[in-house]
Amino acid sequence: MIVSPDDCQVYEMKLKKYKKEINYIQELVAYASLDLVDNQEWNSGNTNMNLKKIDNFNDFQIHCFLTQGRMRFLIVHEGLNEDSIKNFFYGAYLIYIKALLNPFVDKNTKIISRNFDKAISELMDKYL
């Protein structure tokens, strides 16, 4: 999930291994964790873009990657490897930057692109 600085959802793709009911819970947990992301961003003086694990909810873990433009990349999962999540975030960030290079794309609007979906899906298959 990619969330703008105004807490608007810019992009979302579900992990394929979860049922539909669990995906709704994951979305709720991701939005609830945005306050924790803001706290870590402003209070810790952290200059690292990868905030790593920011919260737990039952068996779910929430990881966050924060861009320089304050876009938040979130993953809600059950026990994925830390290195694979980091690699996924960096790959997704590069794909996101390429999408923003299009002059017709506004950074605060939803990303609706088959090429973007395909690239993110390939990253998910590779790392997640």
Protein backbone atom coordinates (compact mmCIF):
# COMPACT_ATOMS: atom_id res chain seq x y z
CA MET A 1 0.00 0.00 0.00
CA ILE A 2 1.28 3.48 -0.83
CA VAL A 3 -0.17 6.34 1.20
CA SER A 4 0.34 10.05 0.50
CA PRO A 5 1.34 12.61 3.15
CA ASP A 6 -2.35 13.58 3.33
CA ASP A 7 -3.25 9.96 4.27
CA CYS A 8 -4.84 9.29 0.87
CA GLN A 9 -4.33 5.85 -0.56
CA VAL A 10 -2.36 6.16 -3.79
CA TYR A 11 -1.87 2.48 -4.57
CA GLU A 12 -2.80 -0.88 -3.12
CA MET A 13 -2.09 -4.46 -4.07
CA LYS A 14 -3.07 -7.43 -1.94
CA LEU A 15 -0.71 -10.27 -1.14
CA LYS A 16 -2.05 -13.23 -3.08
CA LYS A 17 -1.77 -15.75 -0.27
CA TYR A 18 -4.41 -14.16 1.99
CA LYS A 19 -8.17 -14.59 1.87
CA LYS A 20 -10.45 -11.67 1.10
CA GLU A 21 -11.62 -11.31 4.72
CA ILE A 22 -8.04 -11.09 5.96
CA ASN A 23 -7.23 -8.42 3.35
CA TYR A 24 -9.85 -6.11 4.90
CA ILE A 25 -8.27 -6.58 8.31
CA GLN A 26 -4.84 -5.85 6.85
CA GLU A 27 -6.09 -2.61 5.30
CA LEU A 28 -7.54 -1.50 8.63
CA VAL A 29 -4.31 -2.37 10.45
CA ALA A 30 -2.25 -0.47 7.86
CA TYR A 31 -4.32 2.70 8.28
CA ALA A 32 -4.17 2.40 12.06
CA SER A 33 -0.37 2.24 11.90
CA LEU A 34 -0.05 5.58 10.07
CA ASP A 35 0.01 7.45 13.38
CA LEU A 36 2.98 5.36 14.48
CA VAL A 37 4.73 6.17 11.20
CA ASP A 38 4.20 9.88 11.81
CA ASN A 39 5.58 9.55 15.35
CA GLN A 40 8.69 7.76 14.15
CA GLU A 41 9.16 10.22 11.32
CA TRP A 42 9.05 13.39 13.40
CA ASN A 43 10.11 12.34 16.90
CA SER A 44 13.03 10.03 16.35
CA GLY A 45 15.12 12.19 14.06
CA ASN A 46 15.46 9.08 11.93
CA THR A 47 17.01 9.77 8.53
CA ASN A 48 16.70 6.17 7.37
CA MET A 49 13.99 5.66 4.75
CA ASN A 50 13.33 2.07 5.81
CA LEU A 51 11.55 2.28 9.17
CA LYS A 52 11.38 -1.53 9.37
CA LYS A 53 8.77 -3.05 11.69
CA ILE A 54 6.62 -0.33 13.21
CA ASP A 55 3.78 -2.32 14.78
CA ASN A 56 2.23 -5.72 15.46
CA PHE A 57 -1.42 -6.74 15.43
CA ASN A 58 -2.13 -10.34 16.41
CA ASP A 59 0.00 -12.36 13.96
CA PHE A 60 0.43 -9.46 11.53
CA GLN A 61 3.53 -7.29 11.35
CA ILE A 62 3.55 -3.85 9.73
CA HIS A 63 6.66 -2.59 7.94
CA CYS A 64 7.07 0.90 6.53
CA PHE A 65 9.31 2.62 4.00
CA LEU A 66 9.22 6.42 3.99
CA THR A 67 10.26 8.40 0.92
CA GLN A 68 11.81 11.86 0.90
CA GLY A 69 8.46 13.24 -0.28
CA ARG A 70 6.73 11.65 2.76
CA MET A 71 4.99 8.95 0.73
CA ARG A 72 4.58 5.88 2.94
CA PHE A 73 4.94 2.36 1.59
CA LEU A 74 3.33 -0.15 3.96
CA ILE A 75 3.30 -3.94 4.06
CA VAL A 76 1.11 -5.92 6.45
CA HIS A 77 2.22 -9.54 6.59
CA GLU A 78 2.77 -12.64 8.69
CA GLY A 79 6.44 -13.33 9.25
CA LEU A 80 8.28 -12.37 6.07
CA ASN A 81 12.06 -12.06 6.00
CA GLU A 82 13.41 -8.57 6.85
CA ASP A 83 15.85 -8.56 3.91
CA SER A 84 13.21 -9.55 1.37
CA ILE A 85 10.93 -6.77 2.62
CA LYS A 86 13.77 -4.25 2.35
CA ASN A 87 14.57 -5.37 -1.20
CA PHE A 88 10.89 -5.21 -2.13
CA PHE A 89 10.59 -1.66 -0.77
CA TYR A 90 13.62 -0.42 -2.69
CA GLY A 91 12.39 -2.05 -5.90
CA ALA A 92 8.88 -0.63 -5.43
CA TYR A 93 10.36 2.80 -4.76
CA LEU A 94 12.27 2.71 -8.06
CA ILE A 95 9.12 1.69 -9.92
CA TYR A 96 7.19 4.47 -8.16
CA ILE A 97 9.79 7.07 -9.16
CA LYS A 98 9.61 5.93 -12.78
CA ALA A 99 5.82 6.28 -12.65
CA LEU A 100 6.14 9.83 -11.27
CA LEU A 101 8.38 10.84 -14.16
CA ASN A 102 5.27 10.82 -16.34
CA PRO A 103 4.22 14.50 -16.59
CA PHE A 104 0.54 13.50 -16.55
CA VAL A 105 0.75 11.80 -13.14
CA ASP A 106 0.01 13.76 -9.98
CA LYS A 107 1.70 12.33 -6.89
CA ASN A 108 -1.47 12.54 -4.78
CA THR A 109 -3.81 10.71 -7.17
CA LYS A 110 -4.34 6.96 -7.43
CA ILE A 111 -1.94 5.10 -9.67
CA ILE A 112 -3.94 3.24 -12.30
CA SER A 113 -1.49 1.58 -14.65
CA ARG A 114 -1.23 -1.98 -15.93
CA ASN A 115 2.53 -1.61 -16.29
CA PHE A 116 2.83 -0.45 -12.67
CA ASP A 117 0.64 -3.34 -11.49
CA LYS A 118 2.70 -5.82 -13.48
CA ALA A 119 6.02 -4.50 -12.17
CA ILE A 120 4.83 -4.55 -8.54
CA SER A 121 3.36 -8.03 -9.00
CA GLU A 122 6.70 -9.28 -10.34
CA LEU A 123 8.47 -7.76 -7.34
CA MET A 124 6.00 -9.43 -4.99
CA ASP A 125 6.57 -12.80 -6.64
CA LYS A 126 10.33 -12.32 -6.39
CA TYR A 127 10.65 -11.07 -2.80
CA LEU A 128 7.42 -11.78 -0.94
